Amino acid sequence: MIKKIKNQQPTVTNAFWLTASFILIVWSITLLPVEGGIHIKNFYVASSFQNIEMVRYVSMRLVEKGLIHTYDWTKNERASTIEDLMEIGIQEKNAVLNSDFVIVLLPAGKGSHIEFGLALGGEKKIYLYSACDDINNFENTSTFYHLSSVEKYIGTIDGLIDKIIMNQMPFN
């Protein structure tokens, strides 16, 4: 509210300052990455060993934006025992289930498709990436690629990253 006193400039009332202060407090709380504020999103990247550099690149770009990578499987050596496989499997399963969204970079192997299934079962958002249109080729596609929780992206890896940042970051 603004009051006009004769021959003086309008002044702002206490109600205005109270409202402005309240808005500022609410806005600042939403910026805090704590309970009651915004939730910083967790992600996992599934792919095959042949895409290891692309996985590292995607992860690096998203972490730079403030997102949390739940597990970096690219730091693992190839498993040489059943015990190694079991330990890696536990880590990767937990990473998928603790993620808000999962990125699957094609081509992907059997492990990545199991992680894809875990993400579907856990009702996670999935970004399915392919550099070409193979995921829409009826002879090669999977029924699960076309579910509503799967967002297919065909194009460049930087385009995929930009799309994820646009969709997953609270403020762009």
Foldseek 3Di string as FASTA:
>chain_A
DWDDDPPDDIDDDPVVVVVVVVVVVLVVQQVDCDVSHDPAFEEEEAAAPVCLVLRVVLVVLVVVVPHHYQDRCSPDDPDDDPVSVVVVVVSLLVRLLRGQEYEYEPPGDPVRVVSVVSNVVSVHQYEYEDQDDQCVPPVRHDPSCPDPSYHYDHHDSVVVSVVCCVVRPPPD
